[in-house]
Amino acid sequence: MINQKANDRYDKGRAAQYNPQNRFLKGLYVQEFSEGIDDWEQEERKTEYIFDESRTIVNKVKSEDVGMLFSANPYQGCEHGCIYCYARNSHEYWGYSAGLDFESRIVVKKNAPDLLRKFFENKNWQPTPISLSGNTDCYQPIERQMQLTRKMLEVCLEYRNPVSILSKNALILRDMDLLQELAKLRLVMVYSSITSLDESLRLKLEPRTASYRLRLKVVETMSKNGIPTGIMNAPIIPGLNDHHMHDVLKAASEAGALWAGYTVVRLNGAIGDIFRDWLYKAYPDRAEKVWNLIASCHEGNVNDSRTKKRMTGDGKIAEMIKMQFKLYCKKYGLNETKLDWNLTSFRRMNNGQMSLFD
């Protein structure tokens, strides 16, 4: 458990306030707490990019609790730095920390588009929606330079394979031309993650993401251009943003969202200590209350791995959140339609050459 008195200074530049020990690297030395004022006068931690030649890009999602069967992530680690992000734990598999490393040491899978094309050429592949950002945001800042997500969308359009996207970044508007072409063929769905409408909360909770105003602009732009769109009001953190749900869903509906989803925050693995450390520094006046409210949604724990319970929790607080979500969705006409994916137009290119029968 983090000793909150070891360092109570809050660094506004990042969400995570330190680098915890990587559980897979027992012999690694890390400095978890600064020992003097000089440590806080160091230069701002700069983002580092690690270029990787991956072997695969599409992952089968085995969880029964998420609405996806396959995901593809061109980046590991995420500069958006959302303090609650469940993907922090996966950064440890790359040999880094789930703390500051997760948001400042980004693995770039530079061959992702080629791997996706190779995957679609597999004769055993049956057209199924693939989710971009199943783990980390495919439109984080480095995408502006690398354009890996854009190239992957080009591959999906080329092969006519359906794709869904979840992002917190307005950079997705850059790719409207591709999204419109995919939408014409019923091959795309775009979700924006909107946790609140309170910018002061966003700056602490998700310090390097697009503003909520811009995320609503994304929803509005998608809707006006015929691109099926929705939002994720997630995660709900009782005591911090649960009372914002009504305003978020109302604003999303008015912007043209057709669907909405939510999750209740859970803090598995290294995220528990990272979040607790952040919470006591960012919101010392209510930290204990928020921590206990989170635990009340997961049988007294902040972590939760129970199938069909871990994403929404249980108990009085979780049930209240669930009831409010249903009520507001009904009030604002969300989740009344279902996207009819096009699974019949898929075509293999045979290493760049279309079949004579396509």
Protein backbone atom coordinates (compact mmCIF):
# COMPACT_ATOMS: atom_id res chain seq x y z
CA MET A 1 0.00 0.00 0.00
CA ILE A 2 1.28 3.47 -0.86
CA ASN A 3 2.45 5.64 2.01
CA GLN A 4 0.71 8.89 1.23
CA LYS A 5 3.01 10.92 3.46
CA ALA A 6 6.11 9.88 1.50
CA ASN A 7 5.39 12.47 -1.17
CA ASP A 8 2.21 14.54 -1.22
CA ARG A 9 3.23 16.92 -4.02
CA TYR A 10 0.92 16.74 -7.06
CA ASP A 11 2.52 16.88 -10.51
CA LYS A 12 0.05 18.38 -12.99
CA GLY A 13 2.06 17.28 -16.01
CA ARG A 14 1.06 13.61 -15.76
CA ALA A 15 -1.70 11.52 -14.23
CA ALA A 16 0.41 8.82 -12.56
CA GLN A 17 2.61 10.43 -9.95
CA TYR A 18 5.33 7.78 -9.78
CA ASN A 19 6.65 4.55 -11.29
CA PRO A 20 5.76 1.46 -9.22
CA GLN A 21 7.83 -1.71 -9.33
CA ASN A 22 7.15 -3.93 -12.35
CA ARG A 23 5.90 -7.19 -10.81
CA PHE A 24 7.71 -9.22 -13.51
CA LEU A 25 11.10 -7.56 -12.85
CA LYS A 26 11.80 -8.33 -9.22
CA GLY A 27 15.40 -7.16 -9.34
CA LEU A 28 14.71 -3.78 -10.92
CA TYR A 29 15.46 -0.67 -8.88
CA VAL A 30 13.00 2.21 -9.18
CA GLN A 31 12.64 5.45 -7.25
CA GLU A 32 9.03 5.47 -6.08
CA PHE A 33 9.25 8.65 -4.02
CA SER A 34 11.26 11.85 -4.39
CA GLU A 35 13.62 12.48 -1.49
CA GLY A 36 14.02 16.23 -1.73
CA ILE A 37 12.94 19.37 -3.50
CA ASP A 38 15.65 18.95 -6.15
CA ASP A 39 13.84 15.88 -7.46
CA TRP A 40 10.82 18.04 -8.23
CA GLU A 41 12.90 20.60 -10.11
CA GLN A 42 13.94 18.15 -12.79
CA GLU A 43 12.87 18.76 -16.37
CA GLU A 44 9.40 17.57 -17.32
CA ARG A 45 9.40 13.89 -18.19
CA LYS A 46 9.43 13.70 -21.98
CA THR A 47 7.62 11.07 -24.00
CA GLU A 48 9.82 8.37 -25.50
CA TYR A 49 8.79 6.22 -28.48
CA ILE A 50 10.01 2.64 -28.84
CA PHE A 51 9.60 1.29 -32.37
CA ASP A 52 8.73 -2.38 -32.50
CA GLU A 53 8.49 -4.95 -35.29
CA SER A 54 5.55 -6.97 -34.03
CA ARG A 55 4.62 -10.42 -35.31
CA THR A 56 0.85 -10.12 -34.90
CA ILE A 57 -1.64 -7.27 -34.62
CA VAL A 58 -5.11 -8.83 -34.17
CA ASN A 59 -5.96 -10.32 -30.78
CA LYS A 60 -8.91 -12.53 -29.93
CA VAL A 61 -10.79 -11.12 -26.94
CA LYS A 62 -11.86 -13.94 -24.64
CA SER A 63 -13.68 -11.87 -22.03
CA GLU A 64 -17.46 -12.21 -21.84
CA ASP A 65 -17.72 -8.72 -20.33
CA VAL A 66 -16.73 -6.57 -23.30
CA GLY A 67 -18.57 -6.06 -26.55
CA MET A 68 -15.81 -7.15 -28.90
CA LEU A 69 -14.44 -10.38 -30.29
CA PHE A 70 -11.21 -9.08 -31.84
CA SER A 71 -9.02 -6.05 -31.20
CA ALA A 72 -5.99 -4.45 -32.82
CA ASN A 73 -3.72 -1.92 -31.13
CA PRO A 74 -1.04 -0.10 -33.14
CA TYR A 75 0.35 1.44 -29.94
CA GLN A 76 1.08 0.08 -26.45
CA GLY A 77 1.16 2.55 -23.63
CA CYS A 78 -0.84 5.74 -24.03
CA GLU A 79 0.22 9.36 -23.72
CA HIS A 80 -3.32 10.38 -22.78
CA GLY A 81 -2.37 9.16 -19.31
CA CYS A 82 -5.82 8.33 -17.93
CA ILE A 83 -5.13 7.45 -14.31
CA TYR A 84 -7.72 4.63 -14.16
CA CYS A 85 -6.77 2.91 -17.44
CA TYR A 86 -6.93 -0.89 -17.22
CA ALA A 87 -4.29 -1.13 -19.97
CA ARG A 88 -1.62 0.11 -17.56
CA ASN A 89 -1.10 -3.45 -16.34
CA SER A 90 -0.33 -4.70 -19.85
CA HIS A 91 2.65 -2.31 -20.04
CA GLU A 92 4.43 -4.50 -17.52
CA TYR A 93 4.56 -7.29 -20.10
CA TRP A 94 6.76 -5.02 -22.22
CA GLY A 95 9.18 -4.61 -19.32
CA TYR A 96 7.99 -1.16 -18.23
CA SER A 97 6.12 0.24 -15.26
CA ALA A 98 2.36 0.68 -15.20
CA GLY A 99 2.87 4.16 -13.77
CA LEU A 100 4.69 6.99 -15.51
CA ASP A 101 6.23 4.60 -18.03
CA PHE A 102 2.77 3.74 -19.36
CA GLU A 103 2.10 7.32 -20.39
CA SER A 104 5.62 8.37 -21.36
CA ARG A 105 7.21 5.28 -22.99
CA ILE A 106 5.04 4.40 -25.97
CA VAL A 107 5.59 1.25 -28.02
CA VAL A 108 4.89 1.92 -31.72
CA LYS A 109 4.06 -1.11 -33.85
CA LYS A 110 5.24 0.42 -37.10
CA ASN A 111 4.33 -2.62 -39.22
CA ALA A 112 0.73 -2.77 -37.94
CA PRO A 113 -0.95 -2.03 -41.33
CA ASP A 114 1.08 -4.73 -43.09
CA LEU A 115 0.28 -7.22 -40.34
CA LEU A 116 -3.43 -6.44 -40.66
CA ARG A 117 -3.32 -6.99 -44.42
CA LYS A 118 -1.53 -10.29 -43.87
CA PHE A 119 -4.15 -11.27 -41.30
CA PHE A 120 -7.03 -10.63 -43.71
CA GLU A 121 -5.33 -12.79 -46.33
CA ASN A 122 -5.58 -15.81 -44.04
CA LYS A 123 -8.11 -18.13 -45.68
CA ASN A 124 -9.54 -19.07 -42.28
CA TRP A 125 -10.55 -15.51 -41.39
CA GLN A 126 -14.28 -14.85 -41.47
CA PRO A 127 -15.33 -11.18 -41.58
CA THR A 128 -15.92 -9.96 -38.04
CA PRO A 129 -15.74 -6.44 -36.55
CA ILE A 130 -12.29 -5.60 -35.26
CA SER A 131 -12.02 -3.01 -32.50
CA LEU A 132 -9.27 -0.41 -32.67
CA SER A 133 -8.34 0.89 -29.21
CA GLY A 134 -9.36 -2.32 -27.50
CA ASN A 135 -6.42 -1.67 -25.18
CA THR A 136 -4.88 1.77 -25.77
CA ASP A 137 -6.10 4.76 -27.79
CA CYS A 138 -5.36 4.42 -31.50
CA TYR A 139 -5.57 8.22 -31.89
CA GLN A 140 -3.11 9.24 -29.21
CA PRO A 141 -0.70 12.09 -30.15
CA ILE A 142 1.93 10.00 -31.98
CA GLU A 143 -0.74 8.96 -34.50
CA ARG A 144 -0.56 12.45 -36.03
CA GLN A 145 2.96 11.62 -37.17
CA MET A 146 2.84 7.84 -37.72
CA GLN A 147 -0.67 7.55 -39.26
CA LEU A 148 -0.79 3.84 -38.41
CA THR A 149 -4.49 3.98 -37.52
CA ARG A 150 -5.31 5.74 -40.77
CA LYS A 151 -3.41 3.10 -42.74
CA MET A 152 -5.22 0.33 -40.86
CA LEU A 153 -8.56 1.93 -41.75
CA GLU A 154 -7.42 1.95 -45.37
CA VAL A 155 -6.74 -1.78 -45.11
CA CYS A 156 -10.19 -2.39 -43.56
CA LEU A 157 -11.80 -0.46 -46.42
CA GLU A 158 -9.70 -2.31 -48.99
CA TYR A 159 -10.77 -5.70 -47.64
CA ARG A 160 -14.27 -4.56 -46.67
CA ASN A 161 -13.87 -5.75 -43.08
CA PRO A 162 -15.94 -4.01 -40.40
CA VAL A 163 -14.13 -1.94 -37.77
CA SER A 164 -15.12 -0.14 -34.57
CA ILE A 165 -13.20 2.68 -32.92
CA LEU A 166 -13.12 4.08 -29.37
CA SER A 167 -11.14 7.25 -28.75
CA LYS A 168 -10.71 10.32 -26.55
CA ASN A 169 -8.94 12.30 -29.26
CA ALA A 170 -10.41 14.70 -31.82
CA LEU A 171 -7.64 13.64 -34.23
CA ILE A 172 -10.12 11.08 -35.52
CA LEU A 173 -11.75 13.93 -37.50
CA ARG A 174 -8.69 13.87 -39.76
CA ASP A 175 -9.88 10.54 -41.17
CA MET A 176 -13.45 11.58 -42.02
CA ASP A 177 -12.94 10.66 -45.68
CA LEU A 178 -12.20 7.02 -44.82
CA LEU A 179 -14.87 6.83 -42.15
CA GLN A 180 -17.50 8.10 -44.57
CA GLU A 181 -16.54 5.48 -47.17
CA LEU A 182 -16.66 2.75 -44.53
CA ALA A 183 -20.03 4.02 -43.29
CA LYS A 184 -21.52 3.82 -46.80
CA LEU A 185 -20.78 0.08 -46.69
CA ARG A 186 -21.98 -0.34 -43.07
CA LEU A 187 -18.46 -1.18 -41.99
CA VAL A 188 -17.76 1.27 -39.16
CA MET A 189 -18.92 2.42 -35.74
CA VAL A 190 -17.25 5.24 -33.77
CA TYR A 191 -17.47 5.67 -30.00
CA SER A 192 -16.12 8.64 -28.06
CA SER A 193 -15.14 8.16 -24.42
CA ILE A 194 -16.69 10.97 -22.34
CA THR A 195 -16.26 10.60 -18.58
CA SER A 196 -17.67 13.98 -17.56
CA LEU A 197 -18.27 17.54 -18.76
CA ASP A 198 -16.17 19.06 -15.96
CA GLU A 199 -12.88 20.26 -17.46
CA SER A 200 -11.21 20.69 -14.06
CA LEU A 201 -11.80 16.99 -13.43
CA ARG A 202 -10.55 16.00 -16.90
CA LEU A 203 -7.27 17.85 -16.41
CA LYS A 204 -6.50 15.66 -13.42
CA LEU A 205 -8.19 12.43 -14.49
CA GLU A 206 -7.15 12.39 -18.18
CA PRO A 207 -4.51 15.14 -18.47
CA ARG A 208 -3.49 14.76 -22.13
CA THR A 209 -6.81 14.05 -23.79
CA ALA A 210 -9.03 16.25 -25.96
CA SER A 211 -11.44 18.50 -24.07
CA TYR A 212 -14.97 17.27 -23.49
CA ARG A 213 -16.20 20.02 -25.82
CA LEU A 214 -14.08 18.62 -28.62
CA ARG A 215 -15.24 15.07 -27.93
CA LEU A 216 -18.86 16.18 -28.25
CA LYS A 217 -17.86 17.89 -31.49
CA VAL A 218 -16.57 14.51 -32.70
CA VAL A 219 -19.95 12.93 -31.90
CA GLU A 220 -21.80 15.74 -33.68
CA THR A 221 -19.55 15.59 -36.75
CA MET A 222 -19.86 11.83 -37.03
CA SER A 223 -23.62 12.00 -36.75
CA LYS A 224 -23.98 14.76 -39.35
CA ASN A 225 -21.87 12.75 -41.78
CA GLY A 226 -23.84 9.55 -41.46
CA ILE A 227 -21.28 7.67 -39.36
CA PRO A 228 -22.91 5.53 -36.63
CA THR A 229 -21.71 6.96 -33.36
CA GLY A 230 -22.07 6.54 -29.61
CA ILE A 231 -20.27 7.27 -26.36
CA MET A 232 -18.81 5.42 -23.41
CA ASN A 233 -19.48 7.19 -20.13
CA ALA A 234 -16.70 5.27 -18.51
CA PRO A 235 -15.46 4.61 -16.05
CA ILE A 236 -17.93 5.83 -13.47
CA ILE A 237 -15.98 6.69 -10.32
CA PRO A 238 -18.41 7.11 -7.41
CA GLY A 239 -17.73 10.34 -5.58
CA LEU A 240 -15.96 11.91 -8.58
CA ASN A 241 -18.08 11.70 -11.74
CA ASP A 242 -21.13 9.55 -11.00
CA HIS A 243 -23.30 12.65 -10.56
CA HIS A 244 -22.26 13.87 -14.03
CA MET A 245 -23.92 10.96 -15.88
CA HIS A 246 -27.17 12.79 -16.63
CA ASP A 247 -25.46 15.77 -18.24
CA VAL A 248 -23.09 13.57 -20.26
CA LEU A 249 -25.85 11.38 -21.71
CA LYS A 250 -28.08 14.38 -22.43
CA ALA A 251 -25.28 16.22 -24.23
CA ALA A 252 -24.31 13.09 -26.17
CA SER A 253 -27.88 12.53 -27.34
CA GLU A 254 -28.24 16.15 -28.41
CA ALA A 255 -24.98 15.82 -30.38
CA GLY A 256 -26.37 12.84 -32.29
CA ALA A 257 -25.14 9.78 -30.39
CA LEU A 258 -27.24 6.67 -30.97
CA TRP A 259 -25.74 4.52 -28.24
CA ALA A 260 -24.15 4.78 -24.83
CA GLY A 261 -22.38 2.44 -22.47
CA TYR A 262 -20.78 2.66 -19.03
CA THR A 263 -18.53 0.78 -16.64
CA VAL A 264 -17.81 1.17 -12.94
CA VAL A 265 -14.14 1.73 -12.21
CA ARG A 266 -12.13 -1.27 -11.00
CA LEU A 267 -8.48 -1.08 -10.00
CA ASN A 268 -6.80 -4.40 -10.72
CA GLY A 269 -3.09 -5.14 -10.45
CA ALA A 270 -0.72 -2.20 -10.18
CA ILE A 271 -3.51 0.29 -10.92
CA GLY A 272 -4.80 0.14 -7.35
CA ASP A 273 -1.72 1.72 -5.78
CA ILE A 274 -1.22 4.13 -8.70
CA PHE A 275 -4.82 5.35 -8.48
CA ARG A 276 -4.77 5.61 -4.68
CA ASP A 277 -1.56 7.64 -4.75
CA TRP A 278 -3.08 9.97 -7.37
CA LEU A 279 -6.40 10.24 -5.51
CA TYR A 280 -4.85 11.36 -2.21
CA LYS A 281 -2.75 13.98 -4.03
CA ALA A 282 -5.39 15.27 -6.46
CA TYR A 283 -8.40 15.16 -4.10
CA PRO A 284 -7.12 14.89 -0.52
CA ASP A 285 -10.38 16.26 0.90
CA ARG A 286 -12.50 13.37 -0.41
CA ALA A 287 -9.96 10.64 -1.14
CA GLU A 288 -11.00 8.27 1.63
CA LYS A 289 -14.68 8.60 0.75
CA VAL A 290 -14.09 7.93 -2.95
CA TRP A 291 -11.85 4.95 -2.18
CA ASN A 292 -14.49 3.40 0.08
CA LEU A 293 -17.26 4.01 -2.47
CA ILE A 294 -15.26 2.20 -5.14
CA ALA A 295 -14.69 -0.72 -2.77
CA SER A 296 -18.41 -0.86 -1.98
CA CYS A 297 -19.05 -1.65 -5.66
CA HIS A 298 -16.75 -4.68 -5.61
CA GLU A 299 -17.54 -6.60 -2.42
CA GLY A 300 -15.20 -4.48 -0.32
CA ASN A 301 -12.28 -4.54 -2.78
CA VAL A 302 -11.16 -2.03 -5.40
CA ASN A 303 -10.12 -4.84 -7.75
CA ASP A 304 -12.62 -7.19 -9.35
CA SER A 305 -12.20 -10.14 -11.73
CA ARG A 306 -15.66 -11.67 -11.46
CA THR A 307 -17.22 -12.53 -14.81
CA LYS A 308 -20.32 -10.42 -15.57
CA LYS A 309 -19.77 -8.39 -12.38
CA ARG A 310 -16.37 -6.75 -12.74
CA MET A 311 -17.41 -4.12 -15.31
CA THR A 312 -20.53 -2.87 -13.52
CA GLY A 313 -19.98 -4.02 -9.95
CA ASP A 314 -22.73 -4.78 -7.45
CA GLY A 315 -24.07 -3.45 -4.18
CA LYS A 316 -26.24 -0.42 -3.49
CA ILE A 317 -24.04 2.19 -5.18
CA ALA A 318 -23.48 0.10 -8.30
CA GLU A 319 -27.20 -0.68 -8.53
CA MET A 320 -28.05 3.01 -8.25
CA ILE A 321 -25.61 3.82 -11.07
CA LYS A 322 -27.16 1.07 -13.21
CA MET A 323 -30.70 2.35 -12.64
CA GLN A 324 -29.73 5.94 -13.42
CA PHE A 325 -28.01 4.86 -16.63
CA LYS A 326 -31.09 2.99 -17.83
CA LEU A 327 -33.36 5.88 -16.90
CA TYR A 328 -31.28 8.52 -18.71
CA CYS A 329 -30.78 6.37 -21.80
CA LYS A 330 -34.53 5.87 -22.07
CA LYS A 331 -35.19 9.56 -21.50
CA TYR A 332 -32.79 10.63 -24.24
CA GLY A 333 -33.48 7.87 -26.77
CA LEU A 334 -30.15 6.07 -26.52
CA ASN A 335 -29.59 2.36 -27.32
CA GLU A 336 -32.88 2.05 -29.20
CA THR A 337 -31.34 0.81 -32.45
CA LYS A 338 -28.81 -1.87 -33.35
CA LEU A 339 -26.09 -1.50 -35.96
CA ASP A 340 -26.54 -3.89 -38.87
CA TRP A 341 -22.95 -4.79 -39.73
CA ASN A 342 -22.16 -5.68 -43.33
CA LEU A 343 -20.45 -9.08 -43.22
CA THR A 344 -21.03 -10.03 -46.84
CA SER A 345 -18.73 -7.66 -48.74
CA PHE A 346 -15.41 -8.96 -47.42
CA ARG A 347 -12.87 -9.73 -50.13
CA ARG A 348 -9.33 -11.00 -50.15
CA MET A 349 -6.85 -9.17 -52.29
CA ASN A 350 -4.55 -12.15 -52.97
CA ASN A 351 -1.38 -10.21 -52.18
CA GLY A 352 -2.61 -7.07 -53.83
CA GLN A 353 -4.46 -8.58 -56.77
CA MET A 354 -8.26 -8.74 -56.57
CA SER A 355 -9.95 -11.94 -57.59
CA LEU A 356 -11.52 -11.93 -61.06
CA PHE A 357 -14.82 -12.73 -59.34
CA ASP A 358 -14.80 -9.64 -57.04
